[in-house]
Amino acid sequence: MPRSCDTLSAPSCPDLDSILARYPAHPRYLLAALQDIQAAFRHIPREAMVRVAAHMGIPESRVYGVATFYKALSLVPKGRKTVKVCMGTACHLRGAPGILEALENALGIAPGDTTEDGAFSLETVNCLGACALAPVVMVEDTPYGAMTPARVASMLEKERDHAV
């Protein structure tokens, strides 16, 4: 995943114009454009919302509304890897709250936050659809089933070693 940046014109950042050029100037492409911007910058920067609105000929408030409606989109930078803790019934009954607490302690953040080094964001989700693996933690696309608080440190170490 590309690195985040402080300004949209920084040399290490993807070119916002090249992202917008992939989409016709029509509001039906708003969500897809925002998803690409999120993937490139790890969040939706304010300047990007302004430029998307101008490109698509829609009010900035509409872009902001879509960017804040979908949980997958964020206005604040996310970590290079997102750790999702399933809090569904099966996971909850099998110890998910203890796993979440171990992750909060190990990462030094609460759900919805990102570590200072930008390596990890922590989230809770209602269900990951992997009840047979309960309790389950998902790091990007990698599931960790039958998770325990004792396994949290080794999981994070493995994921940190593979962080881009």
C-alpha atoms as a PDB file:
ATOM      1  CA  MET A   1       0.000   0.000   0.000  1.00  0.00           C
ATOM      2  CA  PRO A   2       1.370   3.471  -0.820  1.00  0.00           C
ATOM      3  CA  ARG A   3       2.602   5.614   2.045  1.00  0.00           C
ATOM      4  CA  SER A   4       0.498   8.444   3.410  1.00  0.00           C
ATOM      5  CA  CYS A   5       1.706  12.007   3.014  1.00  0.00           C
ATOM      6  CA  ASP A   6       1.235  15.449   4.509  1.00  0.00           C
ATOM      7  CA  THR A   7       0.320  17.228   1.277  1.00  0.00           C
ATOM      8  CA  LEU A   8      -1.218  15.988  -1.926  1.00  0.00           C
ATOM      9  CA  SER A   9       1.688  17.439  -3.902  1.00  0.00           C
ATOM     10  CA  ALA A  10       4.496  15.735  -1.947  1.00  0.00           C
ATOM     11  CA  PRO A  11       6.806  13.687  -4.223  1.00  0.00           C
ATOM     12  CA  SER A  12       6.133  10.410  -2.363  1.00  0.00           C
ATOM     13  CA  CYS A  13       2.354  10.742  -2.843  1.00  0.00           C
ATOM     14  CA  PRO A  14       0.238   9.390  -5.663  1.00  0.00           C
ATOM     15  CA  ASP A  15      -0.927  12.047  -8.068  1.00  0.00           C
ATOM     16  CA  LEU A  16      -4.499  12.957  -7.199  1.00  0.00           C
ATOM     17  CA  ASP A  17      -5.030  14.204 -10.745  1.00  0.00           C
ATOM     18  CA  SER A  18      -4.194  10.750 -12.133  1.00  0.00           C
ATOM     19  CA  ILE A  19      -6.754   9.176  -9.791  1.00  0.00           C
ATOM     20  CA  LEU A  20      -9.440  11.656 -10.825  1.00  0.00           C
ATOM     21  CA  ALA A  21      -8.564  11.242 -14.509  1.00  0.00           C
ATOM     22  CA  ARG A  22      -9.764   7.628 -14.298  1.00  0.00           C
ATOM     23  CA  TYR A  23     -13.310   8.796 -13.632  1.00  0.00           C
ATOM     24  CA  PRO A  24     -15.728  10.722 -15.803  1.00  0.00           C
ATOM     25  CA  ALA A  25     -16.971  13.978 -14.320  1.00  0.00           C
ATOM     26  CA  HIS A  26     -20.204  12.410 -13.067  1.00  0.00           C
ATOM     27  CA  PRO A  27     -21.441  11.918  -9.487  1.00  0.00           C
ATOM     28  CA  ARG A  28     -22.088   8.192 -10.043  1.00  0.00           C
ATOM     29  CA  TYR A  29     -18.309   7.652  -9.777  1.00  0.00           C
ATOM     30  CA  LEU A  30     -17.968   9.465  -6.441  1.00  0.00           C
ATOM     31  CA  LEU A  31     -17.686   6.413  -4.189  1.00  0.00           C
ATOM     32  CA  ALA A  32     -15.230   4.614  -6.478  1.00  0.00           C
ATOM     33  CA  ALA A  33     -13.013   7.713  -6.670  1.00  0.00           C
ATOM     34  CA  LEU A  34     -13.077   8.103  -2.884  1.00  0.00           C
ATOM     35  CA  GLN A  35     -12.146   4.436  -2.450  1.00  0.00           C
ATOM     36  CA  ASP A  36      -9.125   4.897  -4.723  1.00  0.00           C
ATOM     37  CA  ILE A  37      -8.096   8.035  -2.846  1.00  0.00           C
ATOM     38  CA  GLN A  38      -8.460   6.168   0.463  1.00  0.00           C
ATOM     39  CA  ALA A  39      -6.264   3.347  -0.858  1.00  0.00           C
ATOM     40  CA  ALA A  40      -3.601   5.802  -2.026  1.00  0.00           C
ATOM     41  CA  PHE A  41      -3.489   8.139   0.975  1.00  0.00           C
ATOM     42  CA  ARG A  42      -4.842   5.869   3.768  1.00  0.00           C
ATOM     43  CA  HIS A  43      -7.538   8.502   4.350  1.00  0.00           C
ATOM     44  CA  ILE A  44      -9.556  11.107   2.447  1.00  0.00           C
ATOM     45  CA  PRO A  45      -7.667  14.410   2.813  1.00  0.00           C
ATOM     46  CA  ARG A  46      -9.746  17.604   2.876  1.00  0.00           C
ATOM     47  CA  GLU A  47      -8.001  18.947  -0.225  1.00  0.00           C
ATOM     48  CA  ALA A  48      -8.923  15.754  -2.063  1.00  0.00           C
ATOM     49  CA  MET A  49     -12.618  16.202  -1.193  1.00  0.00           C
ATOM     50  CA  VAL A  50     -12.518  19.758  -2.551  1.00  0.00           C
ATOM     51  CA  ARG A  51     -10.889  18.602  -5.792  1.00  0.00           C
ATOM     52  CA  VAL A  52     -13.270  15.642  -6.196  1.00  0.00           C
ATOM     53  CA  ALA A  53     -16.252  17.977  -5.797  1.00  0.00           C
ATOM     54  CA  ALA A  54     -14.856  20.345  -8.439  1.00  0.00           C
ATOM     55  CA  HIS A  55     -14.029  17.463 -10.795  1.00  0.00           C
ATOM     56  CA  MET A  56     -17.499  15.935 -10.533  1.00  0.00           C
ATOM     57  CA  GLY A  57     -19.396  19.209 -10.408  1.00  0.00           C
ATOM     58  CA  ILE A  58     -21.080  18.482  -7.082  1.00  0.00           C
ATOM     59  CA  PRO A  59     -21.174  20.319  -3.746  1.00  0.00           C
ATOM     60  CA  GLU A  60     -18.371  19.622  -1.279  1.00  0.00           C
ATOM     61  CA  SER A  61     -21.065  18.724   1.264  1.00  0.00           C
ATOM     62  CA  ARG A  62     -22.110  15.759  -0.883  1.00  0.00           C
ATOM     63  CA  VAL A  63     -18.518  14.477  -1.046  1.00  0.00           C
ATOM     64  CA  TYR A  64     -18.190  14.937   2.711  1.00  0.00           C
ATOM     65  CA  GLY A  65     -21.501  13.133   3.259  1.00  0.00           C
ATOM     66  CA  VAL A  66     -20.365  10.083   1.305  1.00  0.00           C
ATOM     67  CA  ALA A  67     -16.882  10.128   2.884  1.00  0.00           C
ATOM     68  CA  THR A  68     -18.378  10.099   6.375  1.00  0.00           C
ATOM     69  CA  PHE A  69     -21.266   7.703   5.678  1.00  0.00           C
ATOM     70  CA  TYR A  70     -19.179   4.649   4.779  1.00  0.00           C
ATOM     71  CA  LYS A  71     -17.184   3.104   7.618  1.00  0.00           C
ATOM     72  CA  ALA A  72     -14.518   1.908   5.168  1.00  0.00           C
ATOM     73  CA  LEU A  73     -13.637   5.545   4.408  1.00  0.00           C
ATOM     74  CA  SER A  74     -11.821   7.755   6.886  1.00  0.00           C
ATOM     75  CA  LEU A  75     -11.020  11.446   7.173  1.00  0.00           C
ATOM     76  CA  VAL A  76      -8.057  10.691   9.447  1.00  0.00           C
ATOM     77  CA  PRO A  77      -5.003   8.667   8.406  1.00  0.00           C
ATOM     78  CA  LYS A  78      -5.239   4.921   8.986  1.00  0.00           C
ATOM     79  CA  GLY A  79      -2.375   2.594   9.767  1.00  0.00           C
ATOM     80  CA  ARG A  80      -0.570   0.612   7.113  1.00  0.00           C
ATOM     81  CA  LYS A  81      -2.411  -2.404   8.516  1.00  0.00           C
ATOM     82  CA  THR A  82      -5.853  -2.532  10.083  1.00  0.00           C
ATOM     83  CA  VAL A  83      -6.484  -4.957  12.939  1.00  0.00           C
ATOM     84  CA  LYS A  84     -10.169  -5.899  13.171  1.00  0.00           C
ATOM     85  CA  VAL A  85     -11.480  -7.676  16.242  1.00  0.00           C
ATOM     86  CA  CYS A  86     -14.738  -9.542  15.735  1.00  0.00           C
ATOM     87  CA  MET A  87     -17.202  -8.758  18.514  1.00  0.00           C
ATOM     88  CA  GLY A  88     -20.010 -10.948  17.163  1.00  0.00           C
ATOM     89  CA  THR A  89     -21.840 -13.299  19.502  1.00  0.00           C
ATOM     90  CA  ALA A  90     -19.632 -16.364  18.981  1.00  0.00           C
ATOM     91  CA  CYS A  91     -16.408 -14.353  19.269  1.00  0.00           C
ATOM     92  CA  HIS A  92     -17.690 -12.378  22.238  1.00  0.00           C
ATOM     93  CA  LEU A  93     -18.649 -15.548  24.123  1.00  0.00           C
ATOM     94  CA  ARG A  94     -15.256 -17.098  23.387  1.00  0.00           C
ATOM     95  CA  GLY A  95     -13.192 -14.206  24.700  1.00  0.00           C
ATOM     96  CA  ALA A  96     -13.095 -11.330  22.200  1.00  0.00           C
ATOM     97  CA  PRO A  97     -13.292  -8.640  24.922  1.00  0.00           C
ATOM     98  CA  GLY A  98     -10.075  -9.970  26.500  1.00  0.00           C
ATOM     99  CA  ILE A  99      -8.371 -10.061  23.109  1.00  0.00           C
ATOM    100  CA  LEU A 100      -9.420  -6.480  22.422  1.00  0.00           C
ATOM    101  CA  GLU A 101      -8.014  -5.409  25.791  1.00  0.00           C
ATOM    102  CA  ALA A 102      -4.715  -7.201  25.036  1.00  0.00           C
ATOM    103  CA  LEU A 103      -4.527  -5.433  21.649  1.00  0.00           C
ATOM    104  CA  GLU A 104      -5.279  -2.045  23.223  1.00  0.00           C
ATOM    105  CA  ASN A 105      -2.481  -2.600  25.747  1.00  0.00           C
ATOM    106  CA  ALA A 106       0.010  -3.917  23.185  1.00  0.00           C
ATOM    107  CA  LEU A 107      -0.645  -1.151  20.653  1.00  0.00           C
ATOM    108  CA  GLY A 108      -1.306   1.640  23.145  1.00  0.00           C
ATOM    109  CA  ILE A 109      -4.464   2.711  21.308  1.00  0.00           C
ATOM    110  CA  ALA A 110      -8.229   2.337  21.536  1.00  0.00           C
ATOM    111  CA  PRO A 111     -10.541   1.139  18.750  1.00  0.00           C
ATOM    112  CA  GLY A 112     -10.741   3.780  16.036  1.00  0.00           C
ATOM    113  CA  ASP A 113      -7.180   4.989  16.671  1.00  0.00           C
ATOM    114  CA  THR A 114      -3.869   4.541  14.868  1.00  0.00           C
ATOM    115  CA  THR A 115      -0.477   3.894  16.416  1.00  0.00           C
ATOM    116  CA  GLU A 116       1.931   6.838  16.443  1.00  0.00           C
ATOM    117  CA  ASP A 117       4.251   5.089  13.976  1.00  0.00           C
ATOM    118  CA  GLY A 118       1.356   4.614  11.545  1.00  0.00           C
ATOM    119  CA  ALA A 119       1.800   0.839  11.498  1.00  0.00           C
ATOM    120  CA  PHE A 120      -1.596  -0.242  12.854  1.00  0.00           C
ATOM    121  CA  SER A 121      -5.165   0.942  13.202  1.00  0.00           C
ATOM    122  CA  LEU A 122      -7.475  -0.910  15.583  1.00  0.00           C
ATOM    123  CA  GLU A 123     -11.150  -1.515  14.887  1.00  0.00           C
ATOM    124  CA  THR A 124     -13.980  -3.605  16.238  1.00  0.00           C
ATOM    125  CA  VAL A 125     -16.506  -5.145  13.862  1.00  0.00           C
ATOM    126  CA  ASN A 126     -19.869  -6.758  14.477  1.00  0.00           C
ATOM    127  CA  CYS A 127     -19.032  -9.908  12.516  1.00  0.00           C
ATOM    128  CA  LEU A 128     -16.321 -11.210  10.239  1.00  0.00           C
ATOM    129  CA  GLY A 129     -18.358 -14.214   9.116  1.00  0.00           C
ATOM    130  CA  ALA A 130     -15.871 -16.704  10.517  1.00  0.00           C
ATOM    131  CA  CYS A 131     -17.732 -18.008  13.556  1.00  0.00           C
ATOM    132  CA  ALA A 132     -16.078 -21.420  13.301  1.00  0.00           C
ATOM    133  CA  LEU A 133     -12.733 -19.690  13.964  1.00  0.00           C
ATOM    134  CA  ALA A 134     -14.042 -17.738  16.983  1.00  0.00           C
ATOM    135  CA  PRO A 135     -12.642 -15.698  18.448  1.00  0.00           C
ATOM    136  CA  VAL A 136     -11.150 -14.226  15.311  1.00  0.00           C
ATOM    137  CA  VAL A 137      -8.957 -11.222  14.560  1.00  0.00           C
ATOM    138  CA  MET A 138      -8.372 -10.084  10.983  1.00  0.00           C
ATOM    139  CA  VAL A 139      -5.255  -8.159   9.971  1.00  0.00           C
ATOM    140  CA  GLU A 140      -5.903  -6.867   6.464  1.00  0.00           C
ATOM    141  CA  ASP A 141      -6.944 -10.104   4.692  1.00  0.00           C
ATOM    142  CA  THR A 142      -5.294 -12.531   7.123  1.00  0.00           C
ATOM    143  CA  PRO A 143      -7.572 -14.191   9.698  1.00  0.00           C
ATOM    144  CA  TYR A 144      -6.211 -15.308  13.052  1.00  0.00           C
ATOM    145  CA  GLY A 145      -8.640 -17.846  14.465  1.00  0.00           C
ATOM    146  CA  ALA A 146      -8.901 -19.277  17.970  1.00  0.00           C
ATOM    147  CA  MET A 147      -7.123 -16.118  19.095  1.00  0.00           C
ATOM    148  CA  THR A 148      -6.174 -15.649  22.731  1.00  0.00           C
ATOM    149  CA  PRO A 149      -4.770 -12.668  24.622  1.00  0.00           C
ATOM    150  CA  ALA A 150      -1.497 -14.611  24.983  1.00  0.00           C
ATOM    151  CA  ARG A 151      -1.123 -14.864  21.175  1.00  0.00           C
ATOM    152  CA  VAL A 152      -1.623 -11.131  20.546  1.00  0.00           C
ATOM    153  CA  ALA A 153       2.062 -10.170  20.923  1.00  0.00           C
ATOM    154  CA  SER A 154       3.317 -12.827  18.492  1.00  0.00           C
ATOM    155  CA  MET A 155       0.608 -11.951  15.957  1.00  0.00           C
ATOM    156  CA  LEU A 156       1.553  -8.265  16.089  1.00  0.00           C
ATOM    157  CA  GLU A 157       5.251  -9.082  15.805  1.00  0.00           C
ATOM    158  CA  LYS A 158       4.598 -11.197  12.716  1.00  0.00           C
ATOM    159  CA  GLU A 159       2.444  -8.492  11.140  1.00  0.00           C
ATOM    160  CA  ARG A 160       4.919  -5.712  12.011  1.00  0.00           C
ATOM    161  CA  ASP A 161       7.674  -7.689  10.282  1.00  0.00           C
ATOM    162  CA  HIS A 162       5.529  -7.809   7.139  1.00  0.00           C
ATOM    163  CA  ALA A 163       4.331  -4.187   7.264  1.00  0.00           C
ATOM    164  CA  VAL A 164       5.093  -2.246   4.119  1.00  0.00           C
END
